[in-house]
Structure formats: C-alpha cells, structure tokens
C-alpha cells in the first residue's frame, strides 16, 4: 500500500506535464515553477515512502525532468520545453528527498 501514493503522484505528473496547452489554465507569472517544484517534491517524497532507494529515485526523476521537457517541446500539444522547468524539477526532487529524510529522522527520535 505504500506504493499507491507514488503511483497517484506519477499519474498526476503525467496530467500536469502533458496536458495540451489549450487545457492549461492561465495563472500568474511564476506559478509554473511552483507547480514543477511541488510536483517533483511530491514524486520524490512518495517514491521514498514507497521504499525506493534515494539515489535511484533521484536519477530517475532527473531523467524524467529532462525527457518531459523534450517531449513537451516535440509532441504536438502546443507546449514548450524549458530548461528552467527541468532545473526546477530537479530542485523539487531534492527538496522532496530532504523532506523525507527530515521526517524519518523525526520519527526515529520519537521512537
């Protein structure tokens, strides 16, 4: 059951990253970066909670960040690839891993 939140996060990421431009709501400037940061933090946190090794998870999320931006630029969905989004994705993944580690430490000290 620990893998269900990660599976949901992956499905959410597919919707967020690959919805055609016509389905993306307008938002204030910078909102896109916040969404990318939080999405990849969620993927990292739930991936660790599912039992994935941090290094393999981080490597996979870095690859996913790059591939998703290339696909956004090349698929006929009216989206643009953005190196800044990929870097924000990687930063979000690092934040998610750090948050998981902090929660794990807190839980160990409470036991």
PDB file of N, CA and C in Angstrom:
ATOM      1  N   UNK A   1       0.806  -1.210   0.000  1.00  0.00           N
ATOM      2  CA  UNK A   1       0.000   0.000   0.000  1.00  0.00           C
ATOM      3  C   UNK A   1       0.849   1.274   0.000  1.00  0.00           C
ATOM      4  N   UNK A   2       2.121   1.156   0.389  1.00  0.00           N
ATOM      5  CA  UNK A   2       2.972   2.343   0.409  1.00  0.00           C
ATOM      6  C   UNK A   2       3.266   2.871  -0.989  1.00  0.00           C
ATOM      7  N   UNK A   3       3.044   2.049  -2.013  1.00  0.00           N
ATOM      8  CA  UNK A   3       3.337   2.490  -3.378  1.00  0.00           C
ATOM      9  C   UNK A   3       2.162   3.226  -4.026  1.00  0.00           C
ATOM     10  N   UNK A   4       0.988   3.165  -3.432  1.00  0.00           N
ATOM     11  CA  UNK A   4      -0.188   3.824  -4.017  1.00  0.00           C
ATOM     12  C   UNK A   4      -0.001   5.335  -4.121  1.00  0.00           C
ATOM     13  N   UNK A   5       0.458   6.021  -3.068  1.00  0.00           N
ATOM     14  CA  UNK A   5       0.661   7.470  -3.222  1.00  0.00           C
ATOM     15  C   UNK A   5       1.654   7.822  -4.330  1.00  0.00           C
ATOM     16  N   UNK A   6       2.700   7.008  -4.485  1.00  0.00           N
ATOM     17  CA  UNK A   6       3.656   7.268  -5.560  1.00  0.00           C
ATOM     18  C   UNK A   6       2.997   7.077  -6.921  1.00  0.00           C
ATOM     19  N   UNK A   7       2.203   6.031  -7.075  1.00  0.00           N
ATOM     20  CA  UNK A   7       1.501   5.795  -8.347  1.00  0.00           C
ATOM     21  C   UNK A   7       0.564   6.953  -8.666  1.00  0.00           C
ATOM     22  N   UNK A   8      -0.127   7.455  -7.658  1.00  0.00           N
ATOM     23  CA  UNK A   8      -1.027   8.600  -7.857  1.00  0.00           C
ATOM     24  C   UNK A   8      -0.215   9.836  -8.258  1.00  0.00           C
ATOM     25  N   UNK A   9       0.934  10.037  -7.608  1.00  0.00           N
ATOM     26  CA  UNK A   9       1.788  11.180  -7.943  1.00  0.00           C
ATOM     27  C   UNK A   9       2.298  11.084  -9.385  1.00  0.00           C
ATOM     28  N   UNK A  10       2.650   9.878  -9.818  1.00  0.00           N
ATOM     29  CA  UNK A  10       3.107   9.693 -11.204  1.00  0.00           C
ATOM     30  C   UNK A  10       1.979  10.030 -12.176  1.00  0.00           C
ATOM     31  N   UNK A  11       0.783   9.539 -11.903  1.00  0.00           N
ATOM     32  CA  UNK A  11      -0.363   9.845 -12.778  1.00  0.00           C
ATOM     33  C   UNK A  11      -0.643  11.341 -12.806  1.00  0.00           C
ATOM     34  N   UNK A  12      -0.585  11.985 -11.642  1.00  0.00           N
ATOM     35  CA  UNK A  12      -0.780  13.432 -11.574  1.00  0.00           C
ATOM     36  C   UNK A  12       0.276  14.152 -12.414  1.00  0.00           C
ATOM     37  N   UNK A  13       1.524  13.692 -12.321  1.00  0.00           N
ATOM     38  CA  UNK A  13       2.592  14.336 -13.090  1.00  0.00           C
ATOM     39  C   UNK A  13       2.352  14.201 -14.594  1.00  0.00           C
ATOM     40  N   UNK A  14       1.862  13.060 -15.016  1.00  0.00           N
ATOM     41  CA  UNK A  14       1.580  12.872 -16.447  1.00  0.00           C
ATOM     42  C   UNK A  14       0.516  13.851 -16.923  1.00  0.00           C
ATOM     43  N   UNK A  15      -0.506  14.055 -16.104  1.00  0.00           N
ATOM     44  CA  UNK A  15      -1.563  15.009 -16.461  1.00  0.00           C
ATOM     45  C   UNK A  15      -1.005  16.430 -16.498  1.00  0.00           C
ATOM     46  N   UNK A  16      -0.280  16.810 -15.448  1.00  0.00           N
ATOM     47  CA  UNK A  16       0.244  18.173 -15.359  1.00  0.00           C
ATOM     48  C   UNK A  16       1.248  18.467 -16.475  1.00  0.00           C
ATOM     49  N   UNK A  17       2.134  17.520 -16.738  1.00  0.00           N
ATOM     50  CA  UNK A  17       3.208  17.781 -17.696  1.00  0.00           C
ATOM     51  C   UNK A  17       2.796  17.631 -19.154  1.00  0.00           C
ATOM     52  N   UNK A  18       1.750  16.849 -19.420  1.00  0.00           N
ATOM     53  CA  UNK A  18       1.429  16.556 -20.812  1.00  0.00           C
ATOM     54  C   UNK A  18       0.021  16.956 -21.243  1.00  0.00           C
ATOM     55  N   UNK A  19      -0.659  17.747 -20.430  1.00  0.00           N
ATOM     56  CA  UNK A  19      -1.937  18.307 -20.857  1.00  0.00           C
ATOM     57  C   UNK A  19      -1.652  19.296 -21.987  1.00  0.00           C
ATOM     58  N   UNK A  20      -2.405  19.217 -23.074  1.00  0.00           N
ATOM     59  CA  UNK A  20      -2.192  20.180 -24.165  1.00  0.00           C
ATOM     60  C   UNK A  20      -2.369  21.621 -23.672  1.00  0.00           C
ATOM     61  N   UNK A  21      -1.696  22.532 -24.341  1.00  0.00           N
ATOM     62  CA  UNK A  21      -1.715  23.940 -23.943  1.00  0.00           C
ATOM     63  C   UNK A  21      -3.138  24.469 -23.776  1.00  0.00           C
ATOM     64  N   UNK A  22      -4.047  24.020 -24.611  1.00  0.00           N
ATOM     65  CA  UNK A  22      -5.422  24.509 -24.540  1.00  0.00           C
ATOM     66  C   UNK A  22      -6.106  24.123 -23.226  1.00  0.00           C
ATOM     67  N   UNK A  23      -5.599  23.105 -22.544  1.00  0.00           N
ATOM     68  CA  UNK A  23      -6.194  22.674 -21.287  1.00  0.00           C
ATOM     69  C   UNK A  23      -5.483  23.200 -20.058  1.00  0.00           C
ATOM     70  N   UNK A  24      -4.404  23.963 -20.263  1.00  0.00           N
ATOM     71  CA  UNK A  24      -3.643  24.507 -19.140  1.00  0.00           C
ATOM     72  C   UNK A  24      -4.262  25.840 -18.738  1.00  0.00           C
ATOM     73  N   UNK A  25      -4.697  25.964 -17.477  1.00  0.00           N
ATOM     74  CA  UNK A  25      -5.310  27.231 -17.057  1.00  0.00           C
ATOM     75  C   UNK A  25      -4.290  28.365 -17.019  1.00  0.00           C
ATOM     76  N   UNK A  26      -4.761  29.575 -17.240  1.00  0.00           N
ATOM     77  CA  UNK A  26      -3.878  30.728 -17.122  1.00  0.00           C
ATOM     78  C   UNK A  26      -3.622  30.977 -15.638  1.00  0.00           C
ATOM     79  N   UNK A  27      -2.433  31.444 -15.344  1.00  0.00           N
ATOM     80  CA  UNK A  27      -2.052  31.676 -13.955  1.00  0.00           C
ATOM     81  C   UNK A  27      -1.031  32.795 -13.912  1.00  0.00           C
ATOM     82  N   UNK A  28      -0.850  33.378 -12.738  1.00  0.00           N
ATOM     83  CA  UNK A  28       0.161  34.446 -12.610  1.00  0.00           C
ATOM     84  C   UNK A  28       1.561  33.942 -12.950  1.00  0.00           C
ATOM     85  N   UNK A  29       2.401  34.870 -13.335  1.00  0.00           N
ATOM     86  CA  UNK A  29       3.787  34.535 -13.661  1.00  0.00           C
ATOM     87  C   UNK A  29       4.454  33.836 -12.477  1.00  0.00           C
ATOM     88  N   UNK A  30       5.221  32.816 -12.769  1.00  0.00           N
ATOM     89  CA  UNK A  30       5.935  32.081 -11.730  1.00  0.00           C
ATOM     90  C   UNK A  30       5.187  30.882 -11.187  1.00  0.00           C
ATOM     91  N   UNK A  31       3.895  30.811 -11.438  1.00  0.00           N
ATOM     92  CA  UNK A  31       3.098  29.694 -10.933  1.00  0.00           C
ATOM     93  C   UNK A  31       3.594  28.378 -11.506  1.00  0.00           C
ATOM     94  N   UNK A  32       3.997  28.396 -12.767  1.00  0.00           N
ATOM     95  CA  UNK A  32       4.507  27.192 -13.432  1.00  0.00           C
ATOM     96  C   UNK A  32       5.685  26.602 -12.659  1.00  0.00           C
ATOM     97  N   UNK A  33       6.594  27.453 -12.223  1.00  0.00           N
ATOM     98  CA  UNK A  33       7.776  26.964 -11.493  1.00  0.00           C
ATOM     99  C   UNK A  33       7.368  26.364 -10.144  1.00  0.00           C
ATOM    100  N   UNK A  34       6.424  26.985  -9.463  1.00  0.00           N
ATOM    101  CA  UNK A  34       5.949  26.457  -8.178  1.00  0.00           C
ATOM    102  C   UNK A  34       5.320  25.083  -8.385  1.00  0.00           C
ATOM    103  N   UNK A  35       4.536  24.935  -9.436  1.00  0.00           N
ATOM    104  CA  UNK A  35       3.899  23.650  -9.729  1.00  0.00           C
ATOM    105  C   UNK A  35       4.966  22.586  -9.992  1.00  0.00           C
ATOM    106  N   UNK A  36       5.961  22.915 -10.796  1.00  0.00           N
ATOM    107  CA  UNK A  36       7.045  21.960 -11.082  1.00  0.00           C
ATOM    108  C   UNK A  36       7.782  21.565  -9.798  1.00  0.00           C
ATOM    109  N   UNK A  37       8.112  22.544  -8.986  1.00  0.00           N
ATOM    110  CA  UNK A  37       8.829  22.281  -7.739  1.00  0.00           C
ATOM    111  C   UNK A  37       8.033  21.341  -6.839  1.00  0.00           C
ATOM    112  N   UNK A  38       6.771  21.657  -6.622  1.00  0.00           N
ATOM    113  CA  UNK A  38       5.933  20.844  -5.730  1.00  0.00           C
ATOM    114  C   UNK A  38       5.663  19.460  -6.310  1.00  0.00           C
ATOM    115  N   UNK A  39       5.465  19.385  -7.610  1.00  0.00           N
ATOM    116  CA  UNK A  39       5.188  18.098  -8.248  1.00  0.00           C
ATOM    117  C   UNK A  39       6.369  17.136  -8.076  1.00  0.00           C
ATOM    118  N   UNK A  40       7.575  17.615  -8.322  1.00  0.00           N
ATOM    119  CA  UNK A  40       8.740  16.735  -8.207  1.00  0.00           C
ATOM    120  C   UNK A  40       9.103  16.471  -6.744  1.00  0.00           C
ATOM    121  N   UNK A  41       8.796  17.407  -5.863  1.00  0.00           N
ATOM    122  CA  UNK A  41       8.974  17.127  -4.430  1.00  0.00           C
ATOM    123  C   UNK A  41       8.025  16.011  -4.007  1.00  0.00           C
ATOM    124  N   UNK A  42       6.805  16.061  -4.496  1.00  0.00           N
ATOM    125  CA  UNK A  42       5.829  15.009  -4.197  1.00  0.00           C
ATOM    126  C   UNK A  42       6.283  13.661  -4.745  1.00  0.00           C
ATOM    127  N   UNK A  43       6.779  13.650  -5.975  1.00  0.00           N
ATOM    128  CA  UNK A  43       7.277  12.405  -6.558  1.00  0.00           C
ATOM    129  C   UNK A  43       8.421  11.826  -5.728  1.00  0.00           C
ATOM    130  N   UNK A  44       9.350  12.675  -5.306  1.00  0.00           N
ATOM    131  CA  UNK A  44      10.491  12.204  -4.521  1.00  0.00           C
ATOM    132  C   UNK A  44      10.047  11.691  -3.152  1.00  0.00           C
ATOM    133  N   UNK A  45       9.204  12.446  -2.485  1.00  0.00           N
ATOM    134  CA  UNK A  45       8.762  12.059  -1.138  1.00  0.00           C
ATOM    135  C   UNK A  45       7.984  10.743  -1.179  1.00  0.00           C
ATOM    136  N   UNK A  46       7.033  10.649  -2.092  1.00  0.00           N
ATOM    137  CA  UNK A  46       6.223   9.427  -2.154  1.00  0.00           C
ATOM    138  C   UNK A  46       7.032   8.250  -2.688  1.00  0.00           C
ATOM    139  N   UNK A  47       8.014   8.525  -3.542  1.00  0.00           N
ATOM    140  CA  UNK A  47       8.892   7.465  -4.024  1.00  0.00           C
ATOM    141  C   UNK A  47       9.717   6.868  -2.889  1.00  0.00           C
ATOM    142  N   UNK A  48      10.246   7.729  -2.032  1.00  0.00           N
ATOM    143  CA  UNK A  48      10.992   7.243  -0.864  1.00  0.00           C
ATOM    144  C   UNK A  48      10.069   6.492   0.091  1.00  0.00           C
ATOM    145  N   UNK A  49       8.874   7.002   0.272  1.00  0.00           N
ATOM    146  CA  UNK A  49       7.903   6.341   1.150  1.00  0.00           C
ATOM    147  C   UNK A  49       7.539   4.967   0.604  1.00  0.00           C
ATOM    148  N   UNK A  50       7.591   4.817  -0.702  1.00  0.00           N
ATOM    149  CA  UNK A  50       7.304   3.527  -1.339  1.00  0.00           C
ATOM    150  C   UNK A  50       8.484   2.566  -1.228  1.00  0.00           C
ATOM    151  N   UNK A  51       9.610   3.047  -0.704  1.00  0.00           N
ATOM    152  CA  UNK A  51      10.761   2.177  -0.489  1.00  0.00           C
ATOM    153  C   UNK A  51      11.855   2.272  -1.526  1.00  0.00           C
ATOM    154  N   UNK A  52      11.752   3.224  -2.436  1.00  0.00           N
ATOM    155  CA  UNK A  52      12.789   3.373  -3.454  1.00  0.00           C
ATOM    156  C   UNK A  52      14.058   3.937  -2.828  1.00  0.00           C
ATOM    157  N   UNK A  53      15.200   3.449  -3.312  1.00  0.00           N
ATOM    158  CA  UNK A  53      16.490   3.968  -2.851  1.00  0.00           C
ATOM    159  C   UNK A  53      16.630   5.402  -3.357  1.00  0.00           C
ATOM    160  N   UNK A  54      17.135   6.287  -2.507  1.00  0.00           N
ATOM    161  CA  UNK A  54      17.183   7.704  -2.847  1.00  0.00           C
ATOM    162  C   UNK A  54      17.980   7.983  -4.116  1.00  0.00           C
ATOM    163  N   UNK A  55      19.102   7.291  -4.302  1.00  0.00           N
ATOM    164  CA  UNK A  55      19.952   7.584  -5.463  1.00  0.00           C
ATOM    165  C   UNK A  55      19.267   7.154  -6.763  1.00  0.00           C
ATOM    166  N   UNK A  56      18.661   5.988  -6.758  1.00  0.00           N
ATOM    167  CA  UNK A  56      17.951   5.519  -7.955  1.00  0.00           C
ATOM    168  C   UNK A  56      16.750   6.408  -8.246  1.00  0.00           C
ATOM    169  N   UNK A  57      16.051   6.792  -7.197  1.00  0.00           N
ATOM    170  CA  UNK A  57      14.884   7.665  -7.364  1.00  0.00           C
ATOM    171  C   UNK A  57      15.311   9.015  -7.937  1.00  0.00           C
ATOM    172  N   UNK A  58      16.364   9.593  -7.377  1.00  0.00           N
ATOM    173  CA  UNK A  58      16.842  10.890  -7.870  1.00  0.00           C
ATOM    174  C   UNK A  58      17.283  10.788  -9.324  1.00  0.00           C
ATOM    175  N   UNK A  59      18.013   9.732  -9.661  1.00  0.00           N
ATOM    176  CA  UNK A  59      18.447   9.549 -11.049  1.00  0.00           C
ATOM    177  C   UNK A  59      17.242   9.440 -11.987  1.00  0.00           C
ATOM    178  N   UNK A  60      16.236   8.686 -11.571  1.00  0.00           N
ATOM    179  CA  UNK A  60      15.031   8.549 -12.384  1.00  0.00           C
ATOM    180  C   UNK A  60      14.284   9.862 -12.537  1.00  0.00           C
ATOM    181  N   UNK A  61      14.208  10.635 -11.467  1.00  0.00           N
ATOM    182  CA  UNK A  61      13.495  11.918 -11.538  1.00  0.00           C
ATOM    183  C   UNK A  61      14.262  12.940 -12.368  1.00  0.00           C
ATOM    184  N   UNK A  62      15.577  12.918 -12.301  1.00  0.00           N
ATOM    185  CA  UNK A  62      16.375  13.807 -13.161  1.00  0.00           C
ATOM    186  C   UNK A  62      16.134  13.452 -14.629  1.00  0.00           C
ATOM    187  N   UNK A  63      16.136  12.164 -14.935  1.00  0.00           N
ATOM    188  CA  UNK A  63      15.869  11.722 -16.308  1.00  0.00           C
ATOM    189  C   UNK A  63      14.449  12.108 -16.726  1.00  0.00           C
ATOM    190  N   UNK A  64      13.484  11.900 -15.847  1.00  0.00           N
ATOM    191  CA  UNK A  64      12.089  12.241 -16.140  1.00  0.00           C
ATOM    192  C   UNK A  64      11.946  13.740 -16.392  1.00  0.00           C
ATOM    193  N   UNK A  65      12.637  14.550 -15.604  1.00  0.00           N
ATOM    194  CA  UNK A  65      12.583  16.000 -15.801  1.00  0.00           C
ATOM    195  C   UNK A  65      13.067  16.371 -17.199  1.00  0.00           C
ATOM    196  N   UNK A  66      14.202  15.812 -17.606  1.00  0.00           N
ATOM    197  CA  UNK A  66      14.745  16.124 -18.927  1.00  0.00           C
ATOM    198  C   UNK A  66      13.886  15.608 -20.061  1.00  0.00           C
ATOM    199  N   UNK A  67      13.461  14.361 -19.945  1.00  0.00           N
ATOM    200  CA  UNK A  67      12.641  13.755 -21.005  1.00  0.00           C
ATOM    201  C   UNK A  67      11.300  14.473 -21.127  1.00  0.00           C
ATOM    202  N   UNK A  68      10.706  14.851 -20.000  1.00  0.00           N
ATOM    203  CA  UNK A  68       9.398  15.515 -20.067  1.00  0.00           C
ATOM    204  C   UNK A  68       9.499  16.852 -20.787  1.00  0.00           C
ATOM    205  N   UNK A  69      10.591  17.570 -20.583  1.00  0.00           N
ATOM    206  CA  UNK A  69      10.745  18.855 -21.271  1.00  0.00           C
ATOM    207  C   UNK A  69      10.995  18.663 -22.763  1.00  0.00           C
ATOM    208  N   UNK A  70      11.769  17.644 -23.123  1.00  0.00           N
ATOM    209  CA  UNK A  70      11.979  17.343 -24.546  1.00  0.00           C
ATOM    210  C   UNK A  70      10.652  16.953 -25.192  1.00  0.00           C
ATOM    211  N   UNK A  71       9.880  16.118 -24.504  1.00  0.00           N
ATOM    212  CA  UNK A  71       8.578  15.705 -25.052  1.00  0.00           C
ATOM    213  C   UNK A  71       7.609  16.879 -25.168  1.00  0.00           C
ATOM    214  N   UNK A  72       7.611  17.766 -24.186  1.00  0.00           N
ATOM    215  CA  UNK A  72       6.745  18.945 -24.277  1.00  0.00           C
ATOM    216  C   UNK A  72       7.095  19.780 -25.506  1.00  0.00           C
ATOM    217  N   UNK A  73       8.369  19.822 -25.842  1.00  0.00           N
ATOM    218  CA  UNK A  73       8.814  20.614 -26.988  1.00  0.00           C
ATOM    219  C   UNK A  73       8.538  19.922 -28.316  1.00  0.00           C
ATOM    220  N   UNK A  74       8.443  18.585 -28.313  1.00  0.00           N
ATOM    221  CA  UNK A  74       8.341  17.872 -29.587  1.00  0.00           C
ATOM    222  C   UNK A  74       6.961  17.286 -29.861  1.00  0.00           C
ATOM    223  N   UNK A  75       6.195  16.980 -28.834  1.00  0.00           N
ATOM    224  CA  UNK A  75       4.850  16.446 -29.067  1.00  0.00           C
ATOM    225  C   UNK A  75       3.930  17.545 -29.585  1.00  0.00           C
ATOM    226  N   UNK A  76       2.923  17.186 -30.362  1.00  0.00           N
ATOM    227  CA  UNK A  76       2.001  18.197 -30.893  1.00  0.00           C
ATOM    228  C   UNK A  76       0.933  18.594 -29.855  1.00  0.00           C
ATOM    229  N   UNK A  77       1.393  19.121 -28.712  1.00  0.00           N
ATOM    230  CA  UNK A  77       0.458  19.505 -27.644  1.00  0.00           C
ATOM    231  C   UNK A  77       0.520  21.003 -27.367  1.00  0.00           C
ATOM    232  N   UNK A  78       1.304  21.727 -28.173  1.00  0.00           N
ATOM    233  CA  UNK A  78       1.363  23.178 -28.030  1.00  0.00           C
ATOM    234  C   UNK A  78       2.126  23.652 -26.810  1.00  0.00           C
ATOM    235  N   UNK A  79       2.989  22.799 -26.267  1.00  0.00           N
ATOM    236  CA  UNK A  79       3.765  23.175 -25.089  1.00  0.00           C
ATOM    237  C   UNK A  79       5.217  23.399 -25.502  1.00  0.00           C
ATOM    238  N   UNK A  80       5.953  24.112 -24.667  1.00  0.00           N
ATOM    239  CA  UNK A  80       7.366  24.378 -24.932  1.00  0.00           C
ATOM    240  C   UNK A  80       8.220  23.681 -23.883  1.00  0.00           C
ATOM    241  N   UNK A  81       9.359  23.149 -24.313  1.00  0.00           N
ATOM    242  CA  UNK A  81      10.333  22.632 -23.365  1.00  0.00           C
ATOM    243  C   UNK A  81      11.075  23.805 -22.743  1.00  0.00           C
ATOM    244  N   UNK A  82      11.438  23.660 -21.490  1.00  0.00           N
ATOM    245  CA  UNK A  82      12.081  24.766 -20.793  1.00  0.00           C
ATOM    246  C   UNK A  82      13.147  24.220 -19.847  1.00  0.00           C
ATOM    247  N   UNK A  83      14.388  24.591 -20.084  1.00  0.00           N
ATOM    248  CA  UNK A  83      15.476  24.154 -19.221  1.00  0.00           C
ATOM    249  C   UNK A  83      15.238  24.599 -17.785  1.00  0.00           C
ATOM    250  N   UNK A  84      14.670  25.788 -17.610  1.00  0.00           N
ATOM    251  CA  UNK A  84      14.367  26.284 -16.270  1.00  0.00           C
ATOM    252  C   UNK A  84      13.385  25.387 -15.539  1.00  0.00           C
ATOM    253  N   UNK A  85      12.407  24.852 -16.264  1.00  0.00           N
ATOM    254  CA  UNK A  85      11.464  23.918 -15.648  1.00  0.00           C
ATOM    255  C   UNK A  85      12.176  22.638 -15.221  1.00  0.00           C
ATOM    256  N   UNK A  86      13.070  22.137 -16.065  1.00  0.00           N
ATOM    257  CA  UNK A  86      13.807  20.916 -15.721  1.00  0.00           C
ATOM    258  C   UNK A  86      14.666  21.141 -14.477  1.00  0.00           C
ATOM    259  N   UNK A  87      15.324  22.277 -14.392  1.00  0.00           N
ATOM    260  CA  UNK A  87      16.133  22.586 -13.211  1.00  0.00           C
ATOM    261  C   UNK A  87      15.263  22.732 -11.970  1.00  0.00           C
ATOM    262  N   UNK A  88      14.093  23.312 -12.141  1.00  0.00           N
ATOM    263  CA  UNK A  88      13.149  23.431 -11.025  1.00  0.00           C
ATOM    264  C   UNK A  88      12.662  22.054 -10.602  1.00  0.00           C
ATOM    265  N   UNK A  89      12.441  21.169 -11.567  1.00  0.00           N
ATOM    266  CA  UNK A  89      12.047  19.792 -11.258  1.00  0.00           C
ATOM    267  C   UNK A  89      13.099  19.106 -10.384  1.00  0.00           C
ATOM    268  N   UNK A  90      14.349  19.241 -10.769  1.00  0.00           N
ATOM    269  CA  UNK A  90      15.440  18.605 -10.024  1.00  0.00           C
ATOM    270  C   UNK A  90      15.544  19.205  -8.617  1.00  0.00           C
ATOM    271  N   UNK A  91      15.363  20.502  -8.519  1.00  0.00           N
ATOM    272  CA  UNK A  91      15.368  21.147  -7.203  1.00  0.00           C
ATOM    273  C   UNK A  91      14.220  20.619  -6.351  1.00  0.00           C
ATOM    274  N   UNK A  92      13.051  20.469  -6.953  1.00  0.00           N
ATOM    275  CA  UNK A  92      11.905  19.921  -6.227  1.00  0.00           C
ATOM    276  C   UNK A  92      12.169  18.503  -5.753  1.00  0.00           C
ATOM    277  N   UNK A  93      12.804  17.700  -6.603  1.00  0.00           N
ATOM    278  CA  UNK A  93      13.140  16.326  -6.209  1.00  0.00           C
ATOM    279  C   UNK A  93      14.082  16.335  -5.010  1.00  0.00           C
ATOM    280  N   UNK A  94      15.069  17.224  -5.026  1.00  0.00           N
ATOM    281  CA  UNK A  94      15.998  17.327  -3.895  1.00  0.00           C
ATOM    282  C   UNK A  94      15.260  17.754  -2.629  1.00  0.00           C
ATOM    283  N   UNK A  95      14.344  18.692  -2.744  1.00  0.00           N
ATOM    284  CA  UNK A  95      13.548  19.114  -1.589  1.00  0.00           C
ATOM    285  C   UNK A  95      12.709  17.964  -1.054  1.00  0.00           C
ATOM    286  N   UNK A  96      12.109  17.186  -1.958  1.00  0.00           N
ATOM    287  CA  UNK A  96      11.300  16.044  -1.525  1.00  0.00           C
ATOM    288  C   UNK A  96      12.119  15.003  -0.798  1.00  0.00           C
ATOM    289  N   UNK A  97      13.331  14.739  -1.298  1.00  0.00           N
ATOM    290  CA  UNK A  97      14.214  13.789  -0.627  1.00  0.00           C
ATOM    291  C   UNK A  97      14.630  14.314   0.746  1.00  0.00           C
ATOM    292  N   UNK A  98      14.939  15.598   0.826  1.00  0.00           N
ATOM    293  CA  UNK A  98      15.321  16.197   2.107  1.00  0.00           C
ATOM    294  C   UNK A  98      14.157  16.164   3.092  1.00  0.00           C
ATOM    295  N   UNK A  99      12.954  16.449   2.617  1.00  0.00           N
ATOM    296  CA  UNK A  99      11.782  16.410   3.495  1.00  0.00           C
ATOM    297  C   UNK A  99      11.555  15.003   4.029  1.00  0.00           C
ATOM    298  N   UNK A 100      11.716  14.020   3.170  1.00  0.00           N
ATOM    299  CA  UNK A 100      11.550  12.636   3.624  1.00  0.00           C
ATOM    300  C   UNK A 100      12.591  12.297   4.688  1.00  0.00           C
ATOM    301  N   UNK A 101      13.827  12.700   4.467  1.00  0.00           N
ATOM    302  CA  UNK A 101      14.897  12.420   5.437  1.00  0.00           C
ATOM    303  C   UNK A 101      14.603  13.093   6.774  1.00  0.00           C
ATOM    304  N   UNK A 102      14.128  14.323   6.733  1.00  0.00           N
ATOM    305  CA  UNK A 102      13.797  15.025   7.978  1.00  0.00           C
ATOM    306  C   UNK A 102      12.661  14.339   8.728  1.00  0.00           C
ATOM    307  N   UNK A 103      11.647  13.902   8.006  1.00  0.00           N
ATOM    308  CA  UNK A 103      10.538  13.188   8.641  1.00  0.00           C
ATOM    309  C   UNK A 103      11.031  11.876   9.234  1.00  0.00           C
ATOM    310  N   UNK A 104      11.890  11.178   8.516  1.00  0.00           N
ATOM    311  CA  UNK A 104      12.422   9.902   9.005  1.00  0.00           C
ATOM    312  C   UNK A 104      13.240  10.109  10.284  1.00  0.00           C
ATOM    313  N   UNK A 105      14.061  11.159  10.307  1.00  0.00           N
ATOM    314  CA  UNK A 105      14.859  11.461  11.499  1.00  0.00           C
ATOM    315  C   UNK A 105      13.949  11.802  12.672  1.00  0.00           C
ATOM    316  N   UNK A 106      12.956  12.618  12.413  1.00  0.00           N
ATOM    317  CA  UNK A 106      12.000  13.000  13.466  1.00  0.00           C
ATOM    318  C   UNK A 106      11.285  11.784  14.028  1.00  0.00           C
ATOM    319  N   UNK A 107      10.880  10.875  13.145  1.00  0.00           N
ATOM    320  CA  UNK A 107      10.185   9.681  13.587  1.00  0.00           C
ATOM    321  C   UNK A 107      11.095   8.761  14.398  1.00  0.00           C
ATOM    322  N   UNK A 108      12.376   8.675  14.039  1.00  0.00           N
ATOM    323  CA  UNK A 108      13.331   7.868  14.784  1.00  0.00           C
ATOM    324  C   UNK A 108      13.578   8.426  16.175  1.00  0.00           C
ATOM    325  N   UNK A 109      13.646   9.740  16.294  1.00  0.00           N
ATOM    326  CA  UNK A 109      13.920  10.336  17.605  1.00  0.00           C
ATOM    327  C   UNK A 109      12.708  10.254  18.526  1.00  0.00           C
ATOM    328  N   UNK A 110      11.529  10.131  17.951  1.00  0.00           N
ATOM    329  CA  UNK A 110      10.303   9.997  18.758  1.00  0.00           C
ATOM    330  C   UNK A 110      10.109   8.574  19.261  1.00  0.00           C
ATOM    331  N   UNK A 111      10.722   7.612  18.592  1.00  0.00           N
ATOM    332  CA  UNK A 111      10.513   6.200  18.956  1.00  0.00           C
ATOM    333  C   UNK A 111      11.250   5.815  20.214  1.00  0.00           C
TER     334      UNK A 111
END
